[in-house]
């Protein structure tokens, strides 16, 4: 069953369609969630991975399947679900109480956490979520999934020659959002309190 056909079957409530979507994509959704959670020291937390996976499924079913209905057949369903998984993993991390992100067993600890780096990563995650879906997808394919230009061109339905320009435009838009967020946030507390 093709991706678009599977999505239509799920939206129509066809017998076994949802089970097939879950069976075919649970591993990929979990892998994306694990990568995002790993960056915050939670990649080995299988309960967290399962929570993110559950949130993805709930989001796909919410409002009569509105999010699932937004899937476009020119993209691979696994890529679309990966973007949704990344979003929900980041939301799950942001909802944790401050200081709840831990270092996993076996990770080297060389000193106190780099708070500036953590704040930067959070700003980038938030800015990515604010981008238009095509820009977010372009950057996700290139940076997070390591896809080459040919693969990205196939997924986006554009020529290989236009992929570099698409990545550059998306990066500029991301940089503009980050610049605006830094400006709106003002100086870090240490400078304000200084």
C-alpha atoms as a PDB file:
ATOM      1  CA  UNK A   1       0.000   0.000   0.000  1.00  0.00           C
ATOM      2  CA  UNK A   2       1.414   3.401  -1.010  1.00  0.00           C
ATOM      3  CA  UNK A   3       1.808   6.156   1.594  1.00  0.00           C
ATOM      4  CA  UNK A   4      -1.051   8.279   0.231  1.00  0.00           C
ATOM      5  CA  UNK A   5      -3.335   5.260   0.014  1.00  0.00           C
ATOM      6  CA  UNK A   6      -2.516   4.301   3.605  1.00  0.00           C
ATOM      7  CA  UNK A   7      -3.262   7.826   4.827  1.00  0.00           C
ATOM      8  CA  UNK A   8      -6.596   7.871   2.970  1.00  0.00           C
ATOM      9  CA  UNK A   9      -7.480   4.482   4.456  1.00  0.00           C
ATOM     10  CA  UNK A  10      -6.650   5.710   7.968  1.00  0.00           C
ATOM     11  CA  UNK A  11      -8.746   8.848   7.506  1.00  0.00           C
ATOM     12  CA  UNK A  12     -11.644   6.739   6.205  1.00  0.00           C
ATOM     13  CA  UNK A  13     -11.397   4.398   9.213  1.00  0.00           C
ATOM     14  CA  UNK A  14     -10.650   1.357   7.047  1.00  0.00           C
ATOM     15  CA  UNK A  15     -10.163  -1.844   9.011  1.00  0.00           C
ATOM     16  CA  UNK A  16      -6.498  -2.455   9.798  1.00  0.00           C
ATOM     17  CA  UNK A  17      -5.242   0.807   8.258  1.00  0.00           C
ATOM     18  CA  UNK A  18      -4.246   2.503  11.513  1.00  0.00           C
ATOM     19  CA  UNK A  19      -2.611  -0.703  12.767  1.00  0.00           C
ATOM     20  CA  UNK A  20      -0.572  -0.844   9.567  1.00  0.00           C
ATOM     21  CA  UNK A  21       0.531   2.775   9.902  1.00  0.00           C
ATOM     22  CA  UNK A  22       1.651   2.110  13.475  1.00  0.00           C
ATOM     23  CA  UNK A  23       3.392  -1.148  12.537  1.00  0.00           C
ATOM     24  CA  UNK A  24       5.186   0.366   9.540  1.00  0.00           C
ATOM     25  CA  UNK A  25       6.262   3.622  11.213  1.00  0.00           C
ATOM     26  CA  UNK A  26       6.646   2.977  14.958  1.00  0.00           C
ATOM     27  CA  UNK A  27      10.357   2.221  14.638  1.00  0.00           C
ATOM     28  CA  UNK A  28      11.078   5.367  12.590  1.00  0.00           C
ATOM     29  CA  UNK A  29       9.093   7.613  14.920  1.00  0.00           C
ATOM     30  CA  UNK A  30      10.943   6.102  17.880  1.00  0.00           C
ATOM     31  CA  UNK A  31      14.325   6.600  16.198  1.00  0.00           C
ATOM     32  CA  UNK A  32      13.654  10.292  15.569  1.00  0.00           C
ATOM     33  CA  UNK A  33      12.389  10.757  19.136  1.00  0.00           C
ATOM     34  CA  UNK A  34      15.466   8.971  20.504  1.00  0.00           C
ATOM     35  CA  UNK A  35      17.830  11.248  18.514  1.00  0.00           C
ATOM     36  CA  UNK A  36      16.157  14.400  19.822  1.00  0.00           C
ATOM     37  CA  UNK A  37      16.016  13.087  23.372  1.00  0.00           C
ATOM     38  CA  UNK A  38      19.658  11.957  23.189  1.00  0.00           C
ATOM     39  CA  UNK A  39      20.768  15.539  22.622  1.00  0.00           C
ATOM     40  CA  UNK A  40      19.256  16.313  26.041  1.00  0.00           C
ATOM     41  CA  UNK A  41      20.612  13.188  27.748  1.00  0.00           C
ATOM     42  CA  UNK A  42      17.340  11.243  27.606  1.00  0.00           C
ATOM     43  CA  UNK A  43      17.896   8.962  24.597  1.00  0.00           C
ATOM     44  CA  UNK A  44      18.098   5.789  26.712  1.00  0.00           C
ATOM     45  CA  UNK A  45      14.850   6.635  28.508  1.00  0.00           C
ATOM     46  CA  UNK A  46      12.503   4.208  26.729  1.00  0.00           C
ATOM     47  CA  UNK A  47       9.511   5.555  28.671  1.00  0.00           C
ATOM     48  CA  UNK A  48      10.244   9.011  27.243  1.00  0.00           C
ATOM     49  CA  UNK A  49      10.571   7.609  23.717  1.00  0.00           C
ATOM     50  CA  UNK A  50       7.259   5.767  24.104  1.00  0.00           C
ATOM     51  CA  UNK A  51       5.611   8.912  25.488  1.00  0.00           C
ATOM     52  CA  UNK A  52       6.716  10.888  22.424  1.00  0.00           C
ATOM     53  CA  UNK A  53       5.517   8.105  20.131  1.00  0.00           C
ATOM     54  CA  UNK A  54       2.121   8.154  21.873  1.00  0.00           C
ATOM     55  CA  UNK A  55       1.908  11.916  21.513  1.00  0.00           C
ATOM     56  CA  UNK A  56       2.577  11.620  17.787  1.00  0.00           C
ATOM     57  CA  UNK A  57      -0.247   9.100  17.390  1.00  0.00           C
ATOM     58  CA  UNK A  58      -2.592  11.256  19.473  1.00  0.00           C
ATOM     59  CA  UNK A  59      -1.739  14.320  17.376  1.00  0.00           C
ATOM     60  CA  UNK A  60      -2.405  12.401  14.161  1.00  0.00           C
ATOM     61  CA  UNK A  61      -5.837  11.338  15.417  1.00  0.00           C
ATOM     62  CA  UNK A  62      -6.838  14.661  17.017  1.00  0.00           C
ATOM     63  CA  UNK A  63      -9.509  16.831  15.413  1.00  0.00           C
ATOM     64  CA  UNK A  64     -10.714  14.062  13.139  1.00  0.00           C
ATOM     65  CA  UNK A  65      -7.232  13.390  11.777  1.00  0.00           C
ATOM     66  CA  UNK A  66      -6.559  16.994  10.741  1.00  0.00           C
ATOM     67  CA  UNK A  67      -2.771  16.615  11.001  1.00  0.00           C
ATOM     68  CA  UNK A  68      -2.765  13.322   9.132  1.00  0.00           C
ATOM     69  CA  UNK A  69      -4.926  14.906   6.430  1.00  0.00           C
ATOM     70  CA  UNK A  70      -2.239  17.566   5.919  1.00  0.00           C
ATOM     71  CA  UNK A  71       0.167  14.904   4.600  1.00  0.00           C
ATOM     72  CA  UNK A  72       1.176  15.589   0.987  1.00  0.00           C
ATOM     73  CA  UNK A  73       1.923  12.568  -1.240  1.00  0.00           C
ATOM     74  CA  UNK A  74       4.945  14.212  -2.880  1.00  0.00           C
ATOM     75  CA  UNK A  75       6.784  13.595   0.410  1.00  0.00           C
ATOM     76  CA  UNK A  76       7.509  10.252   2.036  1.00  0.00           C
ATOM     77  CA  UNK A  77       5.164   9.523   4.929  1.00  0.00           C
ATOM     78  CA  UNK A  78       8.135   8.488   7.075  1.00  0.00           C
ATOM     79  CA  UNK A  79       9.673  11.943   6.598  1.00  0.00           C
ATOM     80  CA  UNK A  80       6.413  13.695   7.465  1.00  0.00           C
ATOM     81  CA  UNK A  81       5.998  11.567  10.594  1.00  0.00           C
ATOM     82  CA  UNK A  82       9.646  12.211  11.500  1.00  0.00           C
ATOM     83  CA  UNK A  83       9.074  15.971  11.478  1.00  0.00           C
ATOM     84  CA  UNK A  84       6.027  15.509  13.717  1.00  0.00           C
ATOM     85  CA  UNK A  85       8.017  13.214  16.042  1.00  0.00           C
ATOM     86  CA  UNK A  86      10.819  15.777  16.304  1.00  0.00           C
ATOM     87  CA  UNK A  87       8.303  18.490  17.172  1.00  0.00           C
ATOM     88  CA  UNK A  88       6.683  16.391  19.910  1.00  0.00           C
ATOM     89  CA  UNK A  89      10.035  15.279  21.341  1.00  0.00           C
ATOM     90  CA  UNK A  90      11.096  18.917  21.635  1.00  0.00           C
ATOM     91  CA  UNK A  91       7.775  19.842  23.238  1.00  0.00           C
ATOM     92  CA  UNK A  92       8.146  16.973  25.701  1.00  0.00           C
ATOM     93  CA  UNK A  93      11.638  18.182  26.646  1.00  0.00           C
ATOM     94  CA  UNK A  94      10.464  21.780  27.095  1.00  0.00           C
ATOM     95  CA  UNK A  95       7.690  20.598  29.421  1.00  0.00           C
ATOM     96  CA  UNK A  96      10.194  18.989  31.814  1.00  0.00           C
ATOM     97  CA  UNK A  97      10.866  20.865  35.041  1.00  0.00           C
ATOM     98  CA  UNK A  98      14.035  22.955  34.857  1.00  0.00           C
ATOM     99  CA  UNK A  99      17.036  20.777  35.617  1.00  0.00           C
ATOM    100  CA  UNK A 100      15.225  17.519  34.819  1.00  0.00           C
ATOM    101  CA  UNK A 101      17.374  16.816  31.771  1.00  0.00           C
ATOM    102  CA  UNK A 102      19.983  14.371  32.966  1.00  0.00           C
ATOM    103  CA  UNK A 103      23.253  12.939  31.817  1.00  0.00           C
ATOM    104  CA  UNK A 104      22.804   9.335  30.794  1.00  0.00           C
ATOM    105  CA  UNK A 105      24.678   6.554  32.479  1.00  0.00           C
ATOM    106  CA  UNK A 106      28.033   6.080  30.782  1.00  0.00           C
ATOM    107  CA  UNK A 107      28.263   9.615  29.400  1.00  0.00           C
ATOM    108  CA  UNK A 108      31.410  11.512  30.273  1.00  0.00           C
ATOM    109  CA  UNK A 109      30.928  14.437  32.606  1.00  0.00           C
ATOM    110  CA  UNK A 110      33.667  17.032  32.426  1.00  0.00           C
ATOM    111  CA  UNK A 111      32.054  19.842  34.341  1.00  0.00           C
ATOM    112  CA  UNK A 112      28.799  21.749  34.832  1.00  0.00           C
ATOM    113  CA  UNK A 113      26.356  21.771  31.930  1.00  0.00           C
ATOM    114  CA  UNK A 114      26.981  24.400  29.308  1.00  0.00           C
ATOM    115  CA  UNK A 115      23.908  26.552  29.929  1.00  0.00           C
ATOM    116  CA  UNK A 116      24.665  28.880  27.034  1.00  0.00           C
ATOM    117  CA  UNK A 117      24.771  25.909  24.643  1.00  0.00           C
ATOM    118  CA  UNK A 118      21.506  24.533  26.066  1.00  0.00           C
ATOM    119  CA  UNK A 119      19.816  27.913  25.640  1.00  0.00           C
ATOM    120  CA  UNK A 120      21.132  28.149  22.077  1.00  0.00           C
ATOM    121  CA  UNK A 121      19.827  24.684  21.211  1.00  0.00           C
ATOM    122  CA  UNK A 122      16.436  25.566  22.672  1.00  0.00           C
ATOM    123  CA  UNK A 123      16.338  28.802  20.661  1.00  0.00           C
ATOM    124  CA  UNK A 124      17.170  26.881  17.474  1.00  0.00           C
ATOM    125  CA  UNK A 125      14.454  24.284  18.209  1.00  0.00           C
ATOM    126  CA  UNK A 126      11.865  26.990  18.813  1.00  0.00           C
ATOM    127  CA  UNK A 127      12.887  28.878  15.672  1.00  0.00           C
ATOM    128  CA  UNK A 128      12.699  25.695  13.594  1.00  0.00           C
ATOM    129  CA  UNK A 129       9.145  25.109  14.801  1.00  0.00           C
ATOM    130  CA  UNK A 130       8.268  28.663  13.740  1.00  0.00           C
ATOM    131  CA  UNK A 131       9.497  28.170  10.173  1.00  0.00           C
ATOM    132  CA  UNK A 132       7.118  27.407   7.333  1.00  0.00           C
ATOM    133  CA  UNK A 133       6.691  23.644   6.984  1.00  0.00           C
ATOM    134  CA  UNK A 134       8.629  23.446   3.690  1.00  0.00           C
ATOM    135  CA  UNK A 135      11.637  25.298   5.145  1.00  0.00           C
ATOM    136  CA  UNK A 136      11.520  23.141   8.288  1.00  0.00           C
ATOM    137  CA  UNK A 137      11.333  19.996   6.153  1.00  0.00           C
ATOM    138  CA  UNK A 138      14.232  21.135   3.944  1.00  0.00           C
ATOM    139  CA  UNK A 139      16.507  21.810   6.910  1.00  0.00           C
ATOM    140  CA  UNK A 140      15.423  18.621   8.684  1.00  0.00           C
ATOM    141  CA  UNK A 141      16.197  16.494   5.646  1.00  0.00           C
ATOM    142  CA  UNK A 142      19.619  18.049   5.165  1.00  0.00           C
ATOM    143  CA  UNK A 143      20.859  18.533   8.734  1.00  0.00           C
ATOM    144  CA  UNK A 144      18.988  15.986  10.870  1.00  0.00           C
ATOM    145  CA  UNK A 145      18.544  13.147   8.408  1.00  0.00           C
ATOM    146  CA  UNK A 146      21.743  13.727   6.417  1.00  0.00           C
ATOM    147  CA  UNK A 147      20.008  13.397   3.045  1.00  0.00           C
ATOM    148  CA  UNK A 148      21.983  14.326  -0.066  1.00  0.00           C
ATOM    149  CA  UNK A 149      20.754  16.832  -2.643  1.00  0.00           C
ATOM    150  CA  UNK A 150      19.380  14.130  -4.922  1.00  0.00           C
ATOM    151  CA  UNK A 151      17.269  12.599  -2.133  1.00  0.00           C
ATOM    152  CA  UNK A 152      16.043  16.023  -1.000  1.00  0.00           C
ATOM    153  CA  UNK A 153      15.130  16.935  -4.587  1.00  0.00           C
ATOM    154  CA  UNK A 154      13.077  13.758  -4.880  1.00  0.00           C
ATOM    155  CA  UNK A 155      11.260  14.343  -1.602  1.00  0.00           C
ATOM    156  CA  UNK A 156      10.554  18.023  -2.284  1.00  0.00           C
ATOM    157  CA  UNK A 157       9.720  17.455  -5.948  1.00  0.00           C
ATOM    158  CA  UNK A 158      12.267  19.987  -7.224  1.00  0.00           C
ATOM    159  CA  UNK A 159      15.378  19.826  -9.409  1.00  0.00           C
ATOM    160  CA  UNK A 160      18.706  18.941  -7.814  1.00  0.00           C
ATOM    161  CA  UNK A 161      20.031  22.363  -8.855  1.00  0.00           C
ATOM    162  CA  UNK A 162      17.432  24.161  -6.736  1.00  0.00           C
ATOM    163  CA  UNK A 163      18.119  22.235  -3.504  1.00  0.00           C
ATOM    164  CA  UNK A 164      21.144  24.331  -2.504  1.00  0.00           C
ATOM    165  CA  UNK A 165      19.153  27.535  -2.942  1.00  0.00           C
ATOM    166  CA  UNK A 166      16.256  26.073  -0.925  1.00  0.00           C
ATOM    167  CA  UNK A 167      18.612  25.181   1.931  1.00  0.00           C
ATOM    168  CA  UNK A 168      20.211  28.640   1.826  1.00  0.00           C
ATOM    169  CA  UNK A 169      16.807  30.387   1.879  1.00  0.00           C
ATOM    170  CA  UNK A 170      15.616  28.222   4.777  1.00  0.00           C
ATOM    171  CA  UNK A 171      18.844  28.913   6.696  1.00  0.00           C
ATOM    172  CA  UNK A 172      18.449  32.668   6.163  1.00  0.00           C
ATOM    173  CA  UNK A 173      14.871  32.535   7.425  1.00  0.00           C
ATOM    174  CA  UNK A 174      16.003  30.510  10.442  1.00  0.00           C
ATOM    175  CA  UNK A 175      18.808  33.011  11.122  1.00  0.00           C
ATOM    176  CA  UNK A 176      16.335  35.892  10.895  1.00  0.00           C
ATOM    177  CA  UNK A 177      14.040  34.168  13.407  1.00  0.00           C
ATOM    178  CA  UNK A 178      16.970  33.488  15.726  1.00  0.00           C
ATOM    179  CA  UNK A 179      18.140  37.086  15.463  1.00  0.00           C
ATOM    180  CA  UNK A 180      14.652  38.318  16.287  1.00  0.00           C
ATOM    181  CA  UNK A 181      14.396  35.929  19.264  1.00  0.00           C
ATOM    182  CA  UNK A 182      17.771  37.029  20.638  1.00  0.00           C
ATOM    183  CA  UNK A 183      16.793  40.673  20.220  1.00  0.00           C
ATOM    184  CA  UNK A 184      13.372  40.129  21.871  1.00  0.00           C
ATOM    185  CA  UNK A 185      14.894  38.172  24.769  1.00  0.00           C
ATOM    186  CA  UNK A 186      17.402  40.875  25.634  1.00  0.00           C
ATOM    187  CA  UNK A 187      20.734  40.178  27.319  1.00  0.00           C
ATOM    188  CA  UNK A 188      21.243  37.037  29.399  1.00  0.00           C
ATOM    189  CA  UNK A 189      20.384  37.248  33.110  1.00  0.00           C
ATOM    190  CA  UNK A 190      24.051  37.372  34.119  1.00  0.00           C
ATOM    191  CA  UNK A 191      24.489  40.575  32.093  1.00  0.00           C
ATOM    192  CA  UNK A 192      21.193  42.115  33.254  1.00  0.00           C
ATOM    193  CA  UNK A 193      21.962  41.384  36.884  1.00  0.00           C
ATOM    194  CA  UNK A 194      25.678  42.240  36.503  1.00  0.00           C
END
